[in-house]
Amino acid sequence: MSSAETEPPPEPPSASARRWSSRFIAAFVFLQFLIPLTYLTRDDAADERFTWRHFASPAARSCETSASLERLDGQREPIPLQRLIHQDWVDYVAQGRRAVVDAFMQWECESEDVLEVEVTNRCDDDGGTHEYTLRCGSARAHESSRTALR
């Protein structure tokens, strides 16, 4: 004899248990739609990790990125980005992802005798030129931008 023949079936859930389950499922589904929309309120407009545009082929934006640092003795040195950090991070810097630019500049400031770090993005679109400058010891980099005159 099997247990299904000897044991009665379980009681169906009560109406209040079904309501609670339905509310929980509805709240969970609502959050799945709401959380990705929070990117609209973020400071970093270049961060598209949670958008559908991230999966679409991006427009061919060409940016030339350069970086340099100034030592305490006044000497300026170029920073070879491609040899120093991974290409994906170089691309993030070129896109102007503010969190990556700030982290890179803070990291460079940790080197000895560094007074100032500068990153410049020159883009061929309407974005123009963005310059990020960090005086070592400051909390956040200063950004200035120029748009090419037509």
N, C-alpha and C. Protein backbone atom coordinates (compact mmCIF):
# COMPACT_ATOMS: atom_id res chain seq x y z
N MET A 1 0.82 -1.18 0.00
CA MET A 1 0.00 0.00 0.00
C MET A 1 0.87 1.25 0.00
N SER A 2 0.51 2.25 -0.81
CA SER A 2 1.27 3.49 -0.87
C SER A 2 0.74 4.47 0.18
N SER A 3 1.56 5.46 0.48
CA SER A 3 1.15 6.43 1.51
C SER A 3 0.00 7.30 1.04
N ALA A 4 -0.16 7.50 -0.28
CA ALA A 4 -1.26 8.31 -0.80
C ALA A 4 -2.59 7.65 -0.51
N GLU A 5 -2.60 6.35 -0.42
CA GLU A 5 -3.85 5.64 -0.15
C GLU A 5 -4.19 5.68 1.34
N THR A 6 -3.19 5.85 2.20
CA THR A 6 -3.45 5.80 3.64
C THR A 6 -3.54 7.17 4.28
N GLU A 7 -2.92 8.21 3.68
CA GLU A 7 -2.93 9.55 4.27
C GLU A 7 -3.88 10.44 3.50
N PRO A 8 -4.61 11.27 4.22
CA PRO A 8 -5.52 12.20 3.53
C PRO A 8 -4.71 13.32 2.89
N PRO A 9 -5.21 13.96 1.84
CA PRO A 9 -4.50 15.07 1.20
C PRO A 9 -4.40 16.25 2.17
N PRO A 10 -3.41 17.11 1.98
CA PRO A 10 -3.27 18.27 2.89
C PRO A 10 -4.43 19.25 2.69
N GLU A 11 -4.68 20.03 3.72
CA GLU A 11 -5.74 21.03 3.67
C GLU A 11 -5.34 22.13 2.69
N PRO A 12 -6.26 22.67 1.92
CA PRO A 12 -5.92 23.80 1.05
C PRO A 12 -5.58 25.03 1.91
N PRO A 13 -4.77 25.95 1.38
CA PRO A 13 -4.41 27.13 2.18
C PRO A 13 -5.62 28.00 2.46
N SER A 14 -5.56 28.69 3.56
CA SER A 14 -6.68 29.55 3.94
C SER A 14 -6.71 30.78 3.02
N ALA A 15 -7.82 31.50 3.08
CA ALA A 15 -7.98 32.69 2.24
C ALA A 15 -6.96 33.76 2.61
N SER A 16 -6.67 33.91 3.89
CA SER A 16 -5.69 34.94 4.30
C SER A 16 -4.28 34.55 3.84
N ALA A 17 -3.94 33.27 3.84
CA ALA A 17 -2.63 32.82 3.37
C ALA A 17 -2.49 33.06 1.87
N ARG A 18 -3.58 32.83 1.12
CA ARG A 18 -3.55 33.08 -0.32
C ARG A 18 -3.40 34.57 -0.61
N ARG A 19 -4.10 35.42 0.16
CA ARG A 19 -3.96 36.87 -0.03
C ARG A 19 -2.53 37.33 0.26
N TRP A 20 -1.96 36.82 1.35
CA TRP A 20 -0.59 37.20 1.71
C TRP A 20 0.39 36.77 0.62
N SER A 21 0.23 35.56 0.10
CA SER A 21 1.10 35.08 -0.98
C SER A 21 0.94 35.93 -2.23
N SER A 22 -0.27 36.28 -2.57
CA SER A 22 -0.51 37.11 -3.76
C SER A 22 0.12 38.49 -3.61
N ARG A 23 0.00 39.09 -2.43
CA ARG A 23 0.61 40.40 -2.19
C ARG A 23 2.14 40.32 -2.27
N PHE A 24 2.71 39.27 -1.72
CA PHE A 24 4.15 39.10 -1.75
C PHE A 24 4.65 38.97 -3.19
N ILE A 25 3.96 38.16 -3.98
CA ILE A 25 4.36 37.97 -5.38
C ILE A 25 4.21 39.28 -6.16
N ALA A 26 3.12 40.02 -5.95
CA ALA A 26 2.91 41.29 -6.64
C ALA A 26 3.99 42.30 -6.26
N ALA A 27 4.36 42.36 -4.98
CA ALA A 27 5.42 43.29 -4.54
C ALA A 27 6.76 42.90 -5.15
N PHE A 28 7.04 41.61 -5.22
CA PHE A 28 8.30 41.14 -5.79
C PHE A 28 8.39 41.51 -7.27
N VAL A 29 7.33 41.28 -8.02
CA VAL A 29 7.31 41.62 -9.45
C VAL A 29 7.43 43.13 -9.64
N PHE A 30 6.75 43.92 -8.80
CA PHE A 30 6.84 45.38 -8.88
C PHE A 30 8.28 45.84 -8.66
N LEU A 31 8.96 45.28 -7.69
CA LEU A 31 10.36 45.66 -7.44
C LEU A 31 11.27 45.28 -8.59
N GLN A 32 10.98 44.20 -9.27
CA GLN A 32 11.79 43.79 -10.42
C GLN A 32 11.70 44.81 -11.55
N PHE A 33 10.61 45.53 -11.64
CA PHE A 33 10.48 46.60 -12.63
C PHE A 33 11.04 47.92 -12.11
N LEU A 34 10.89 48.19 -10.81
CA LEU A 34 11.28 49.47 -10.24
C LEU A 34 12.79 49.63 -10.08
N ILE A 35 13.47 48.62 -9.64
CA ILE A 35 14.91 48.73 -9.34
C ILE A 35 15.72 49.15 -10.57
N PRO A 36 15.56 48.54 -11.74
CA PRO A 36 16.35 49.01 -12.89
C PRO A 36 16.05 50.44 -13.32
N LEU A 37 14.89 50.98 -12.98
CA LEU A 37 14.56 52.35 -13.36
C LEU A 37 15.31 53.39 -12.52
N THR A 38 15.94 52.97 -11.45
CA THR A 38 16.66 53.92 -10.59
C THR A 38 17.86 54.52 -11.31
N TYR A 39 18.30 53.97 -12.43
CA TYR A 39 19.43 54.55 -13.14
C TYR A 39 19.10 55.96 -13.65
N LEU A 40 17.83 56.28 -13.80
CA LEU A 40 17.44 57.60 -14.29
C LEU A 40 17.81 58.70 -13.30
N THR A 41 17.90 58.37 -12.02
CA THR A 41 18.18 59.38 -10.99
C THR A 41 19.65 59.41 -10.60
N ARG A 42 20.50 58.64 -11.25
CA ARG A 42 21.91 58.58 -10.88
C ARG A 42 22.68 59.77 -11.42
N ASP A 43 23.80 60.07 -10.75
CA ASP A 43 24.66 61.18 -11.18
C ASP A 43 25.41 60.86 -12.45
N ASP A 44 25.77 59.60 -12.65
CA ASP A 44 26.61 59.19 -13.76
C ASP A 44 25.73 58.79 -14.95
N ALA A 45 25.52 59.71 -15.87
CA ALA A 45 24.64 59.43 -17.02
C ALA A 45 25.27 58.43 -17.98
N ALA A 46 26.58 58.24 -17.92
CA ALA A 46 27.24 57.32 -18.83
C ALA A 46 27.11 55.87 -18.37
N ASP A 47 26.64 55.64 -17.17
CA ASP A 47 26.50 54.28 -16.63
C ASP A 47 25.19 53.68 -17.12
N GLU A 48 25.27 52.77 -18.08
CA GLU A 48 24.08 52.17 -18.66
C GLU A 48 24.04 50.67 -18.40
N ARG A 49 24.56 50.23 -17.27
CA ARG A 49 24.60 48.80 -16.99
C ARG A 49 23.22 48.18 -16.83
N PHE A 50 22.23 48.94 -16.39
CA PHE A 50 20.91 48.39 -16.12
C PHE A 50 19.87 48.85 -17.12
N THR A 51 20.28 49.20 -18.31
CA THR A 51 19.33 49.67 -19.32
C THR A 51 19.36 48.75 -20.53
N TRP A 52 18.29 48.81 -21.29
CA TRP A 52 18.24 48.01 -22.50
C TRP A 52 19.22 48.54 -23.53
N ARG A 53 19.53 49.83 -23.46
CA ARG A 53 20.49 50.40 -24.41
C ARG A 53 21.85 49.74 -24.28
N HIS A 54 22.14 49.21 -23.11
CA HIS A 54 23.43 48.54 -22.89
C HIS A 54 23.58 47.35 -23.83
N PHE A 55 22.47 46.69 -24.16
CA PHE A 55 22.53 45.50 -25.00
C PHE A 55 22.44 45.84 -26.49
N ALA A 56 22.06 47.04 -26.81
CA ALA A 56 22.00 47.46 -28.20
C ALA A 56 23.40 47.89 -28.63
N SER A 57 23.65 47.86 -29.91
CA SER A 57 24.96 48.28 -30.37
C SER A 57 25.10 49.79 -30.18
N PRO A 58 26.15 50.22 -29.50
CA PRO A 58 26.30 51.64 -29.23
C PRO A 58 26.68 52.42 -30.49
N ALA A 59 26.36 53.68 -30.48
CA ALA A 59 26.76 54.54 -31.58
C ALA A 59 28.28 54.65 -31.57
N ALA A 60 28.85 54.75 -32.73
CA ALA A 60 30.30 54.79 -32.84
C ALA A 60 30.81 56.14 -32.33
N ARG A 61 31.11 56.19 -31.05
CA ARG A 61 31.64 57.41 -30.44
C ARG A 61 33.14 57.21 -30.30
N SER A 62 33.86 58.11 -30.84
CA SER A 62 35.31 57.99 -30.80
C SER A 62 35.87 59.06 -29.88
N CYS A 63 36.55 58.62 -28.84
CA CYS A 63 37.15 59.55 -27.89
C CYS A 63 38.63 59.24 -27.76
N GLU A 64 39.41 60.28 -27.70
CA GLU A 64 40.84 60.15 -27.45
C GLU A 64 41.06 60.53 -25.99
N THR A 65 41.59 59.60 -25.22
CA THR A 65 41.78 59.82 -23.79
C THR A 65 43.26 59.91 -23.48
N SER A 66 43.62 60.92 -22.72
CA SER A 66 45.00 61.05 -22.27
C SER A 66 44.99 61.40 -20.79
N ALA A 67 46.07 61.05 -20.13
CA ALA A 67 46.19 61.33 -18.70
C ALA A 67 47.63 61.76 -18.41
N SER A 68 47.76 62.60 -17.43
CA SER A 68 49.08 63.05 -17.01
C SER A 68 49.05 63.35 -15.53
N LEU A 69 50.23 63.41 -14.95
CA LEU A 69 50.33 63.77 -13.55
C LEU A 69 51.44 64.78 -13.37
N GLU A 70 51.30 65.58 -12.34
CA GLU A 70 52.30 66.58 -12.02
C GLU A 70 52.93 66.21 -10.69
N ARG A 71 54.25 66.16 -10.70
CA ARG A 71 54.99 65.82 -9.48
C ARG A 71 55.20 67.06 -8.63
N LEU A 72 55.64 66.88 -7.40
CA LEU A 72 55.86 68.00 -6.49
C LEU A 72 56.92 68.97 -7.00
N ASP A 73 57.87 68.46 -7.80
CA ASP A 73 58.93 69.34 -8.33
C ASP A 73 58.48 70.11 -9.58
N GLY A 74 57.21 69.98 -9.99
CA GLY A 74 56.67 70.72 -11.12
C GLY A 74 56.76 69.98 -12.44
N GLN A 75 57.37 68.82 -12.47
CA GLN A 75 57.54 68.05 -13.71
C GLN A 75 56.22 67.34 -14.07
N ARG A 76 55.78 67.45 -15.35
CA ARG A 76 54.58 66.75 -15.84
C ARG A 76 54.99 65.49 -16.56
N GLU A 77 54.28 64.40 -16.28
CA GLU A 77 54.55 63.11 -16.92
C GLU A 77 53.26 62.56 -17.51
N PRO A 78 53.31 62.05 -18.74
CA PRO A 78 52.12 61.38 -19.28
C PRO A 78 51.93 60.02 -18.60
N ILE A 79 50.68 59.61 -18.48
CA ILE A 79 50.36 58.30 -17.90
C ILE A 79 49.95 57.38 -19.04
N PRO A 80 50.66 56.26 -19.24
CA PRO A 80 50.29 55.32 -20.32
C PRO A 80 49.10 54.45 -19.87
N LEU A 81 47.89 54.92 -20.16
CA LEU A 81 46.68 54.23 -19.69
C LEU A 81 46.59 52.78 -20.15
N GLN A 82 46.89 52.54 -21.44
CA GLN A 82 46.72 51.18 -21.98
C GLN A 82 47.67 50.18 -21.33
N ARG A 83 48.83 50.63 -20.87
CA ARG A 83 49.76 49.72 -20.21
C ARG A 83 49.52 49.62 -18.71
N LEU A 84 48.81 50.59 -18.17
CA LEU A 84 48.63 50.66 -16.74
C LEU A 84 47.37 49.96 -16.25
N ILE A 85 46.26 50.13 -17.00
CA ILE A 85 44.99 49.52 -16.59
C ILE A 85 44.40 48.75 -17.76
N HIS A 86 43.47 47.84 -17.45
CA HIS A 86 42.83 46.99 -18.44
C HIS A 86 42.05 47.84 -19.45
N GLN A 87 41.94 47.35 -20.68
CA GLN A 87 41.29 48.10 -21.76
C GLN A 87 39.84 48.44 -21.43
N ASP A 88 39.13 47.56 -20.74
CA ASP A 88 37.75 47.88 -20.36
C ASP A 88 37.69 49.12 -19.48
N TRP A 89 38.65 49.24 -18.56
CA TRP A 89 38.69 50.41 -17.67
C TRP A 89 39.10 51.65 -18.45
N VAL A 90 39.97 51.49 -19.44
CA VAL A 90 40.31 52.63 -20.31
C VAL A 90 39.06 53.10 -21.04
N ASP A 91 38.25 52.15 -21.51
CA ASP A 91 37.00 52.50 -22.20
C ASP A 91 36.03 53.23 -21.26
N TYR A 92 35.95 52.78 -20.01
CA TYR A 92 35.09 53.45 -19.03
C TYR A 92 35.55 54.88 -18.78
N VAL A 93 36.86 55.08 -18.70
CA VAL A 93 37.40 56.43 -18.53
C VAL A 93 37.06 57.27 -19.75
N ALA A 94 37.18 56.68 -20.95
CA ALA A 94 36.87 57.41 -22.19
C ALA A 94 35.39 57.77 -22.27
N GLN A 95 34.53 56.93 -21.71
CA GLN A 95 33.09 57.23 -21.70
C GLN A 95 32.74 58.29 -20.67
N GLY A 96 33.69 58.61 -19.81
CA GLY A 96 33.43 59.62 -18.79
C GLY A 96 32.69 59.07 -17.59
N ARG A 97 32.77 57.76 -17.34
CA ARG A 97 32.13 57.18 -16.16
C ARG A 97 32.79 57.77 -14.93
N ARG A 98 32.08 58.63 -14.25
CA ARG A 98 32.65 59.46 -13.19
C ARG A 98 33.25 58.64 -12.05
N ALA A 99 32.60 57.55 -11.66
CA ALA A 99 33.13 56.74 -10.56
C ALA A 99 34.48 56.13 -10.93
N VAL A 100 34.63 55.71 -12.18
CA VAL A 100 35.89 55.11 -12.63
C VAL A 100 36.98 56.17 -12.74
N VAL A 101 36.63 57.33 -13.29
CA VAL A 101 37.60 58.42 -13.40
C VAL A 101 38.10 58.84 -12.02
N ASP A 102 37.17 59.01 -11.07
CA ASP A 102 37.56 59.40 -9.71
C ASP A 102 38.44 58.34 -9.05
N ALA A 103 38.07 57.07 -9.21
CA ALA A 103 38.86 56.00 -8.60
C ALA A 103 40.26 55.93 -9.21
N PHE A 104 40.35 56.07 -10.54
CA PHE A 104 41.66 56.04 -11.19
C PHE A 104 42.53 57.19 -10.70
N MET A 105 41.96 58.38 -10.60
CA MET A 105 42.73 59.54 -10.18
C MET A 105 43.17 59.42 -8.71
N GLN A 106 42.30 58.91 -7.86
CA GLN A 106 42.67 58.69 -6.46
C GLN A 106 43.80 57.68 -6.36
N TRP A 107 43.73 56.63 -7.20
CA TRP A 107 44.77 55.60 -7.21
C TRP A 107 46.11 56.18 -7.62
N GLU A 108 46.10 57.05 -8.63
CA GLU A 108 47.34 57.70 -9.06
C GLU A 108 47.89 58.64 -7.99
N CYS A 109 47.01 59.26 -7.22
CA CYS A 109 47.45 60.18 -6.17
C CYS A 109 48.16 59.44 -5.03
N GLU A 110 47.96 58.14 -4.93
CA GLU A 110 48.61 57.38 -3.87
C GLU A 110 50.09 57.16 -4.15
N SER A 111 50.53 57.42 -5.37
CA SER A 111 51.95 57.30 -5.71
C SER A 111 52.73 58.40 -5.01
N GLU A 112 54.03 58.22 -4.89
CA GLU A 112 54.88 59.20 -4.21
C GLU A 112 55.04 60.46 -5.05
N ASP A 113 55.13 61.58 -4.37
CA ASP A 113 55.45 62.88 -4.96
C ASP A 113 54.47 63.35 -6.03
N VAL A 114 53.22 62.91 -6.00
CA VAL A 114 52.24 63.34 -7.00
C VAL A 114 51.44 64.50 -6.42
N LEU A 115 51.41 65.61 -7.16
CA LEU A 115 50.68 66.80 -6.73
C LEU A 115 49.30 66.86 -7.36
N GLU A 116 49.21 66.51 -8.67
CA GLU A 116 47.95 66.66 -9.39
C GLU A 116 47.87 65.60 -10.49
N VAL A 117 46.65 65.11 -10.73
CA VAL A 117 46.40 64.15 -11.80
C VAL A 117 45.35 64.77 -12.72
N GLU A 118 45.54 64.60 -14.03
CA GLU A 118 44.61 65.17 -15.01
C GLU A 118 44.27 64.11 -16.05
N VAL A 119 42.97 63.98 -16.35
CA VAL A 119 42.49 63.09 -17.41
C VAL A 119 41.71 63.95 -18.39
N THR A 120 41.99 63.78 -19.69
CA THR A 120 41.31 64.56 -20.73
C THR A 120 40.69 63.62 -21.74
N ASN A 121 39.39 63.83 -22.03
CA ASN A 121 38.67 63.09 -23.07
C ASN A 121 38.32 64.07 -24.17
N ARG A 122 38.80 63.80 -25.37
CA ARG A 122 38.43 64.60 -26.54
C ARG A 122 37.61 63.71 -27.45
N CYS A 123 36.32 64.04 -27.59
CA CYS A 123 35.41 63.21 -28.37
C CYS A 123 35.03 63.91 -29.66
N ASP A 124 34.74 63.10 -30.70
CA ASP A 124 34.40 63.65 -32.00
C ASP A 124 32.91 63.95 -32.15
N ASP A 125 32.14 63.76 -31.10
CA ASP A 125 30.71 64.06 -31.18
C ASP A 125 30.42 65.40 -30.49
N ASP A 126 29.17 65.64 -30.17
CA ASP A 126 28.79 66.90 -29.54
C ASP A 126 29.30 67.02 -28.11
N GLY A 127 29.86 65.95 -27.57
CA GLY A 127 30.35 65.98 -26.20
C GLY A 127 31.53 66.90 -26.00
N GLY A 128 32.32 67.14 -27.04
CA GLY A 128 33.46 68.04 -26.94
C GLY A 128 34.58 67.46 -26.10
N THR A 129 35.18 68.30 -25.30
CA THR A 129 36.32 67.91 -24.48
C THR A 129 35.95 68.00 -23.01
N HIS A 130 36.26 66.94 -22.26
CA HIS A 130 36.05 66.92 -20.81
C HIS A 130 37.40 66.75 -20.15
N GLU A 131 37.68 67.62 -19.22
CA GLU A 131 38.92 67.53 -18.46
C GLU A 131 38.59 67.31 -17.00
N TYR A 132 39.23 66.33 -16.40
CA TYR A 132 39.06 66.03 -14.99
C TYR A 132 40.41 66.29 -14.32
N THR A 133 40.39 67.09 -13.27
CA THR A 133 41.62 67.42 -12.58
C THR A 133 41.43 67.14 -11.10
N LEU A 134 42.41 66.48 -10.51
CA LEU A 134 42.36 66.18 -9.08
C LEU A 134 43.65 66.63 -8.43
N ARG A 135 43.55 67.56 -7.50
CA ARG A 135 44.69 67.93 -6.66
C ARG A 135 44.75 66.88 -5.58
N CYS A 136 45.85 66.20 -5.48
CA CYS A 136 45.97 65.10 -4.52
C CYS A 136 45.70 65.62 -3.11
N GLY A 137 44.87 64.90 -2.40
CA GLY A 137 44.44 65.31 -1.09
C GLY A 137 43.02 65.84 -1.11
N SER A 138 42.47 66.10 -2.30
CA SER A 138 41.09 66.56 -2.43
C SER A 138 40.15 65.37 -2.38
N ALA A 139 38.90 65.64 -2.10
CA ALA A 139 37.93 64.56 -2.00
C ALA A 139 37.39 64.13 -3.36
N ARG A 140 37.18 65.07 -4.28
CA ARG A 140 36.59 64.74 -5.58
C ARG A 140 37.23 65.57 -6.67
N ALA A 141 37.30 64.97 -7.85
CA ALA A 141 37.93 65.64 -8.99
C ALA A 141 37.04 66.78 -9.49
N HIS A 142 37.69 67.77 -10.05
CA HIS A 142 37.00 68.90 -10.68
C HIS A 142 36.87 68.60 -12.18
N GLU A 143 35.69 68.82 -12.72
CA GLU A 143 35.46 68.55 -14.15
C GLU A 143 35.19 69.86 -14.86
N SER A 144 35.84 70.02 -16.00
CA SER A 144 35.51 71.13 -16.87
C SER A 144 35.27 70.56 -18.26
N SER A 145 34.35 71.16 -18.99
CA SER A 145 34.06 70.64 -20.32
C SER A 145 33.96 71.79 -21.30
N ARG A 146 34.40 71.52 -22.51
CA ARG A 146 34.31 72.46 -23.62
C ARG A 146 33.66 71.73 -24.78
N THR A 147 32.77 72.41 -25.44
CA THR A 147 32.12 71.84 -26.62
C THR A 147 32.73 72.51 -27.84
N ALA A 148 33.01 71.71 -28.84
CA ALA A 148 33.61 72.23 -30.07
C ALA A 148 32.65 73.21 -30.74
N LEU A 149 33.19 74.31 -31.21
CA LEU A 149 32.37 75.28 -31.92
C LEU A 149 32.21 74.83 -33.36
N ARG A 150 31.03 74.99 -33.90
CA ARG A 150 30.76 74.57 -35.27
C ARG A 150 30.81 75.73 -36.19
